[in-house]
Amino acid sequence: SGGEEGALRGPAIMPGGQKEAYALVEDIFKKIAAKAYDSVPCVSYIGPDGAGHFVKMVHNGIEYGDMQLIGN
């Protein structure tokens, strides 16, 4: 997630799935993720299969609602 800013500064990463699999890629995700103001990578293990997708879906729904309000 991140849109234009994500392309420039790195994405916010919301992975889900098996914790064992996440442990194998966590360091890579932290290197490519955007950094918060305190330099902490914007990546966090969300939960089991489908959890990351669900969080991304909710995030997009909120963002699209905001854009609709601004457009009106």
PDB file of N, CA and C in Angstrom:
ATOM      1  N   SER A   1       0.841  -1.177   0.000  1.00  0.00           N
ATOM      2  CA  SER A   1       0.000   0.000   0.000  1.00  0.00           C
ATOM      3  C   SER A   1       0.882   1.235   0.000  1.00  0.00           C
ATOM      4  N   GLY A   2       0.425   2.284  -0.650  1.00  0.00           N
ATOM      5  CA  GLY A   2       1.209   3.492  -0.608  1.00  0.00           C
ATOM      6  C   GLY A   2       1.000   4.443  -1.765  1.00  0.00           C
ATOM      7  N   GLY A   3       0.443   3.957  -2.867  1.00  0.00           N
ATOM      8  CA  GLY A   3       0.196   4.826  -4.010  1.00  0.00           C
ATOM      9  C   GLY A   3       1.463   5.496  -4.499  1.00  0.00           C
ATOM     10  N   GLU A   4       1.347   6.771  -4.882  1.00  0.00           N
ATOM     11  CA  GLU A   4       2.495   7.513  -5.406  1.00  0.00           C
ATOM     12  C   GLU A   4       3.601   7.635  -4.358  1.00  0.00           C
ATOM     13  N   GLU A   5       3.227   7.948  -3.121  1.00  0.00           N
ATOM     14  CA  GLU A   5       4.225   8.040  -2.045  1.00  0.00           C
ATOM     15  C   GLU A   5       4.914   6.699  -1.833  1.00  0.00           C
ATOM     16  N   GLY A   6       4.149   5.625  -1.939  1.00  0.00           N
ATOM     17  CA  GLY A   6       4.731   4.294  -1.797  1.00  0.00           C
ATOM     18  C   GLY A   6       5.755   4.002  -2.875  1.00  0.00           C
ATOM     19  N   ALA A   7       5.483   4.499  -4.063  1.00  0.00           N
ATOM     20  CA  ALA A   7       6.434   4.305  -5.154  1.00  0.00           C
ATOM     21  C   ALA A   7       7.720   5.083  -4.900  1.00  0.00           C
ATOM     22  N   LEU A   8       7.600   6.225  -4.246  1.00  0.00           N
ATOM     23  CA  LEU A   8       8.767   7.068  -3.984  1.00  0.00           C
ATOM     24  C   LEU A   8       9.518   6.675  -2.719  1.00  0.00           C
ATOM     25  N   ARG A   9       8.796   6.324  -1.667  1.00  0.00           N
ATOM     26  CA  ARG A   9       9.417   6.104  -0.356  1.00  0.00           C
ATOM     27  C   ARG A   9       9.343   4.668   0.141  1.00  0.00           C
ATOM     28  N   GLY A  10       8.628   3.827  -0.577  1.00  0.00           N
ATOM     29  CA  GLY A  10       8.432   2.452  -0.139  1.00  0.00           C
ATOM     30  C   GLY A  10       7.010   2.250   0.335  1.00  0.00           C
ATOM     31  N   PRO A  11       6.500   1.035   0.246  1.00  0.00           N
ATOM     32  CA  PRO A  11       5.115   0.758   0.616  1.00  0.00           C
ATOM     33  C   PRO A  11       4.948   0.489   2.108  1.00  0.00           C
ATOM     34  N   ALA A  12       3.713   0.599   2.567  1.00  0.00           N
ATOM     35  CA  ALA A  12       3.330   0.045   3.862  1.00  0.00           C
ATOM     36  C   ALA A  12       2.971  -1.412   3.569  1.00  0.00           C
ATOM     37  N   ILE A  13       3.540  -2.329   4.322  1.00  0.00           N
ATOM     38  CA  ILE A  13       3.370  -3.751   4.033  1.00  0.00           C
ATOM     39  C   ILE A  13       2.568  -4.396   5.153  1.00  0.00           C
ATOM     40  N   MET A  14       1.491  -5.118   4.771  1.00  0.00           N
ATOM     41  CA  MET A  14       0.568  -5.729   5.717  1.00  0.00           C
ATOM     42  C   MET A  14       0.435  -7.219   5.437  1.00  0.00           C
ATOM     43  N   PRO A  15       1.469  -7.999   5.713  1.00  0.00           N
ATOM     44  CA  PRO A  15       1.433  -9.419   5.355  1.00  0.00           C
ATOM     45  C   PRO A  15       0.603 -10.268   6.314  1.00  0.00           C
ATOM     46  N   GLY A  16      -0.028 -11.257   5.744  1.00  0.00           N
ATOM     47  CA  GLY A  16      -0.714 -12.280   6.515  1.00  0.00           C
ATOM     48  C   GLY A  16      -0.224 -13.638   6.046  1.00  0.00           C
ATOM     49  N   GLY A  17      -0.577 -14.665   6.764  1.00  0.00           N
ATOM     50  CA  GLY A  17      -0.159 -16.019   6.396  1.00  0.00           C
ATOM     51  C   GLY A  17       0.508 -16.711   7.567  1.00  0.00           C
ATOM     52  N   GLN A  18       1.237 -17.745   7.279  1.00  0.00           N
ATOM     53  CA  GLN A  18       1.908 -18.502   8.335  1.00  0.00           C
ATOM     54  C   GLN A  18       3.048 -17.680   8.935  1.00  0.00           C
ATOM     55  N   LYS A  19       3.111 -17.660  10.267  1.00  0.00           N
ATOM     56  CA  LYS A  19       4.181 -16.907  10.936  1.00  0.00           C
ATOM     57  C   LYS A  19       5.560 -17.401  10.527  1.00  0.00           C
ATOM     58  N   GLU A  20       5.675 -18.694  10.302  1.00  0.00           N
ATOM     59  CA  GLU A  20       6.969 -19.262   9.907  1.00  0.00           C
ATOM     60  C   GLU A  20       7.415 -18.705   8.553  1.00  0.00           C
ATOM     61  N   ALA A  21       6.468 -18.546   7.644  1.00  0.00           N
ATOM     62  CA  ALA A  21       6.785 -17.983   6.327  1.00  0.00           C
ATOM     63  C   ALA A  21       7.147 -16.505   6.454  1.00  0.00           C
ATOM     64  N   TYR A  22       6.409 -15.781   7.287  1.00  0.00           N
ATOM     65  CA  TYR A  22       6.708 -14.361   7.493  1.00  0.00           C
ATOM     66  C   TYR A  22       8.114 -14.181   8.056  1.00  0.00           C
ATOM     67  N   ALA A  23       8.503 -15.039   8.973  1.00  0.00           N
ATOM     68  CA  ALA A  23       9.842 -14.944   9.568  1.00  0.00           C
ATOM     69  C   ALA A  23      10.934 -15.043   8.504  1.00  0.00           C
ATOM     70  N   LEU A  24      10.678 -15.785   7.438  1.00  0.00           N
ATOM     71  CA  LEU A  24      11.665 -15.950   6.367  1.00  0.00           C
ATOM     72  C   LEU A  24      11.832 -14.694   5.514  1.00  0.00           C
ATOM     73  N   VAL A  25      10.807 -13.864   5.435  1.00  0.00           N
ATOM     74  CA  VAL A  25      10.858 -12.674   4.572  1.00  0.00           C
ATOM     75  C   VAL A  25      10.805 -11.351   5.345  1.00  0.00           C
ATOM     76  N   GLU A  26      10.705 -11.426   6.648  1.00  0.00           N
ATOM     77  CA  GLU A  26      10.550 -10.212   7.463  1.00  0.00           C
ATOM     78  C   GLU A  26      11.669  -9.197   7.221  1.00  0.00           C
ATOM     79  N   ASP A  27      12.910  -9.628   7.206  1.00  0.00           N
ATOM     80  CA  ASP A  27      14.028  -8.701   7.004  1.00  0.00           C
ATOM     81  C   ASP A  27      13.959  -8.015   5.639  1.00  0.00           C
ATOM     82  N   ILE A  28      13.555  -8.762   4.620  1.00  0.00           N
ATOM     83  CA  ILE A  28      13.413  -8.179   3.280  1.00  0.00           C
ATOM     84  C   ILE A  28      12.310  -7.128   3.287  1.00  0.00           C
ATOM     85  N   PHE A  29      11.171  -7.461   3.872  1.00  0.00           N
ATOM     86  CA  PHE A  29      10.060  -6.514   3.941  1.00  0.00           C
ATOM     87  C   PHE A  29      10.472  -5.241   4.670  1.00  0.00           C
ATOM     88  N   LYS A  30      11.203  -5.377   5.765  1.00  0.00           N
ATOM     89  CA  LYS A  30      11.629  -4.205   6.534  1.00  0.00           C
ATOM     90  C   LYS A  30      12.571  -3.309   5.730  1.00  0.00           C
ATOM     91  N   LYS A  31      13.358  -3.902   4.860  1.00  0.00           N
ATOM     92  CA  LYS A  31      14.288  -3.108   4.045  1.00  0.00           C
ATOM     93  C   LYS A  31      13.579  -2.335   2.938  1.00  0.00           C
ATOM     94  N   ILE A  32      12.508  -2.893   2.380  1.00  0.00           N
ATOM     95  CA  ILE A  32      11.834  -2.224   1.262  1.00  0.00           C
ATOM     96  C   ILE A  32      10.655  -1.363   1.698  1.00  0.00           C
ATOM     97  N   ALA A  33      10.212  -1.502   2.941  1.00  0.00           N
ATOM     98  CA  ALA A  33       9.047  -0.759   3.421  1.00  0.00           C
ATOM     99  C   ALA A  33       9.383   0.712   3.654  1.00  0.00           C
ATOM    100  N   ALA A  34       8.361   1.549   3.569  1.00  0.00           N
ATOM    101  CA  ALA A  34       8.508   2.951   3.955  1.00  0.00           C
ATOM    102  C   ALA A  34       8.919   3.006   5.422  1.00  0.00           C
ATOM    103  N   LYS A  35       9.487   4.124   5.819  1.00  0.00           N
ATOM    104  CA  LYS A  35       9.892   4.309   7.215  1.00  0.00           C
ATOM    105  C   LYS A  35       9.011   5.385   7.840  1.00  0.00           C
ATOM    106  N   ALA A  36       8.589   5.157   9.076  1.00  0.00           N
ATOM    107  CA  ALA A  36       7.823   6.148   9.825  1.00  0.00           C
ATOM    108  C   ALA A  36       8.763   7.275  10.257  1.00  0.00           C
ATOM    109  N   TYR A  37       8.215   8.296  10.867  1.00  0.00           N
ATOM    110  CA  TYR A  37       9.018   9.443  11.292  1.00  0.00           C
ATOM    111  C   TYR A  37      10.132   9.056  12.254  1.00  0.00           C
ATOM    112  N   ASP A  38       9.928   7.981  13.003  1.00  0.00           N
ATOM    113  CA  ASP A  38      10.957   7.516  13.945  1.00  0.00           C
ATOM    114  C   ASP A  38      11.861   6.453  13.322  1.00  0.00           C
ATOM    115  N   SER A  39      11.830   6.337  12.001  1.00  0.00           N
ATOM    116  CA  SER A  39      12.652   5.401  11.211  1.00  0.00           C
ATOM    117  C   SER A  39      12.274   3.935  11.377  1.00  0.00           C
ATOM    118  N   VAL A  40      11.126   3.659  11.964  1.00  0.00           N
ATOM    119  CA  VAL A  40      10.645   2.286  12.098  1.00  0.00           C
ATOM    120  C   VAL A  40       9.977   1.882  10.784  1.00  0.00           C
ATOM    121  N   PRO A  41      10.314   0.708  10.229  1.00  0.00           N
ATOM    122  CA  PRO A  41       9.702   0.274   8.971  1.00  0.00           C
ATOM    123  C   PRO A  41       8.184   0.099   9.098  1.00  0.00           C
ATOM    124  N   CYS A  42       7.463   0.495   8.061  1.00  0.00           N
ATOM    125  CA  CYS A  42       6.004   0.377   8.029  1.00  0.00           C
ATOM    126  C   CYS A  42       5.619  -1.021   7.555  1.00  0.00           C
ATOM    127  N   VAL A  43       5.924  -2.007   8.374  1.00  0.00           N
ATOM    128  CA  VAL A  43       5.578  -3.392   8.088  1.00  0.00           C
ATOM    129  C   VAL A  43       5.234  -4.070   9.405  1.00  0.00           C
ATOM    130  N   SER A  44       4.187  -4.860   9.366  1.00  0.00           N
ATOM    131  CA  SER A  44       3.747  -5.541  10.576  1.00  0.00           C
ATOM    132  C   SER A  44       2.997  -6.807  10.183  1.00  0.00           C
ATOM    133  N   TYR A  45       3.353  -7.913  10.817  1.00  0.00           N
ATOM    134  CA  TYR A  45       2.618  -9.165  10.588  1.00  0.00           C
ATOM    135  C   TYR A  45       1.200  -8.974  11.100  1.00  0.00           C
ATOM    136  N   ILE A  46       0.207  -9.264  10.267  1.00  0.00           N
ATOM    137  CA  ILE A  46      -1.188  -9.008  10.602  1.00  0.00           C
ATOM    138  C   ILE A  46      -1.883 -10.223  11.211  1.00  0.00           C
ATOM    139  N   GLY A  47      -1.650 -11.401  10.673  1.00  0.00           N
ATOM    140  CA  GLY A  47      -2.313 -12.583  11.198  1.00  0.00           C
ATOM    141  C   GLY A  47      -2.324 -13.713  10.188  1.00  0.00           C
ATOM    142  N   PRO A  48      -3.206 -14.675  10.385  1.00  0.00           N
ATOM    143  CA  PRO A  48      -3.237 -15.864   9.526  1.00  0.00           C
ATOM    144  C   PRO A  48      -3.672 -15.542   8.098  1.00  0.00           C
ATOM    145  N   ASP A  49      -3.740 -16.592   7.286  1.00  0.00           N
ATOM    146  CA  ASP A  49      -4.111 -16.454   5.869  1.00  0.00           C
ATOM    147  C   ASP A  49      -5.319 -15.542   5.694  1.00  0.00           C
ATOM    148  N   GLY A  50      -5.180 -14.568   4.816  1.00  0.00           N
ATOM    149  CA  GLY A  50      -6.271 -13.656   4.500  1.00  0.00           C
ATOM    150  C   GLY A  50      -6.314 -12.401   5.351  1.00  0.00           C
ATOM    151  N   ALA A  51      -5.614 -12.375   6.476  1.00  0.00           N
ATOM    152  CA  ALA A  51      -5.676 -11.223   7.380  1.00  0.00           C
ATOM    153  C   ALA A  51      -5.077  -9.974   6.741  1.00  0.00           C
ATOM    154  N   GLY A  52      -3.950 -10.120   6.061  1.00  0.00           N
ATOM    155  CA  GLY A  52      -3.334  -8.976   5.395  1.00  0.00           C
ATOM    156  C   GLY A  52      -4.230  -8.416   4.304  1.00  0.00           C
ATOM    157  N   HIS A  53      -4.840  -9.297   3.538  1.00  0.00           N
ATOM    158  CA  HIS A  53      -5.761  -8.872   2.480  1.00  0.00           C
ATOM    159  C   HIS A  53      -6.950  -8.126   3.079  1.00  0.00           C
ATOM    160  N   PHE A  54      -7.481  -8.617   4.181  1.00  0.00           N
ATOM    161  CA  PHE A  54      -8.630  -7.981   4.827  1.00  0.00           C
ATOM    162  C   PHE A  54      -8.275  -6.565   5.283  1.00  0.00           C
ATOM    163  N   VAL A  55      -7.111  -6.414   5.921  1.00  0.00           N
ATOM    164  CA  VAL A  55      -6.685  -5.088   6.384  1.00  0.00           C
ATOM    165  C   VAL A  55      -6.518  -4.141   5.201  1.00  0.00           C
ATOM    166  N   LYS A  56      -5.928  -4.614   4.116  1.00  0.00           N
ATOM    167  CA  LYS A  56      -5.760  -3.787   2.918  1.00  0.00           C
ATOM    168  C   LYS A  56      -7.114  -3.391   2.339  1.00  0.00           C
ATOM    169  N   MET A  57      -8.070  -4.306   2.341  1.00  0.00           N
ATOM    170  CA  MET A  57      -9.403  -4.021   1.827  1.00  0.00           C
ATOM    171  C   MET A  57     -10.081  -2.934   2.666  1.00  0.00           C
ATOM    172  N   VAL A  58      -9.972  -3.033   3.985  1.00  0.00           N
ATOM    173  CA  VAL A  58     -10.558  -2.020   4.871  1.00  0.00           C
ATOM    174  C   VAL A  58      -9.873  -0.674   4.646  1.00  0.00           C
ATOM    175  N   HIS A  59      -8.557  -0.682   4.549  1.00  0.00           N
ATOM    176  CA  HIS A  59      -7.798   0.552   4.290  1.00  0.00           C
ATOM    177  C   HIS A  59      -8.278   1.213   3.003  1.00  0.00           C
ATOM    178  N   ASN A  60      -8.421   0.429   1.939  1.00  0.00           N
ATOM    179  CA  ASN A  60      -8.885   0.979   0.664  1.00  0.00           C
ATOM    180  C   ASN A  60     -10.298   1.530   0.772  1.00  0.00           C
ATOM    181  N   GLY A  61     -11.169   0.834   1.492  1.00  0.00           N
ATOM    182  CA  GLY A  61     -12.541   1.310   1.664  1.00  0.00           C
ATOM    183  C   GLY A  61     -12.583   2.666   2.349  1.00  0.00           C
ATOM    184  N   ILE A  62     -11.764   2.842   3.373  1.00  0.00           N
ATOM    185  CA  ILE A  62     -11.694   4.128   4.070  1.00  0.00           C
ATOM    186  C   ILE A  62     -11.148   5.204   3.132  1.00  0.00           C
ATOM    187  N   GLU A  63     -10.091   4.870   2.415  1.00  0.00           N
ATOM    188  CA  GLU A  63      -9.482   5.834   1.488  1.00  0.00           C
ATOM    189  C   GLU A  63     -10.473   6.250   0.400  1.00  0.00           C
ATOM    190  N   TYR A  64     -11.181   5.310  -0.182  1.00  0.00           N
ATOM    191  CA  TYR A  64     -12.142   5.629  -1.241  1.00  0.00           C
ATOM    192  C   TYR A  64     -13.305   6.456  -0.696  1.00  0.00           C
ATOM    193  N   GLY A  65     -13.721   6.171   0.540  1.00  0.00           N
ATOM    194  CA  GLY A  65     -14.756   6.985   1.175  1.00  0.00           C
ATOM    195  C   GLY A  65     -14.293   8.422   1.365  1.00  0.00           C
ATOM    196  N   ASP A  66     -13.047   8.593   1.804  1.00  0.00           N
ATOM    197  CA  ASP A  66     -12.477   9.938   1.955  1.00  0.00           C
ATOM    198  C   ASP A  66     -12.443  10.672   0.616  1.00  0.00           C
ATOM    199  N   MET A  67     -12.020   9.981  -0.428  1.00  0.00           N
ATOM    200  CA  MET A  67     -11.950  10.619  -1.749  1.00  0.00           C
ATOM    201  C   MET A  67     -13.340  11.034  -2.228  1.00  0.00           C
ATOM    202  N   GLN A  68     -14.341  10.215  -1.947  1.00  0.00           N
ATOM    203  CA  GLN A  68     -15.711  10.549  -2.341  1.00  0.00           C
ATOM    204  C   GLN A  68     -16.191  11.788  -1.592  1.00  0.00           C
ATOM    205  N   LEU A  69     -15.884  11.869  -0.293  1.00  0.00           N
ATOM    206  CA  LEU A  69     -16.269  13.047   0.490  1.00  0.00           C
ATOM    207  C   LEU A  69     -15.591  14.307  -0.035  1.00  0.00           C
ATOM    208  N   ILE A  70     -14.316  14.203  -0.363  1.00  0.00           N
ATOM    209  CA  ILE A  70     -13.586  15.355  -0.898  1.00  0.00           C
ATOM    210  C   ILE A  70     -14.168  15.764  -2.249  1.00  0.00           C
ATOM    211  N   GLY A  71     -14.515  14.775  -3.072  1.00  0.00           N
ATOM    212  CA  GLY A  71     -15.081  15.051  -4.391  1.00  0.00           C
ATOM    213  C   GLY A  71     -16.442  15.722  -4.330  1.00  0.00           C
ATOM    214  N   ASN A  72     -17.176  15.467  -3.260  1.00  0.00           N
ATOM    215  CA  ASN A  72     -18.500  16.077  -3.118  1.00  0.00           C
ATOM    216  C   ASN A  72     -18.345  17.452  -2.549  1.00  0.00           C
TER     217      ASN A  72
END
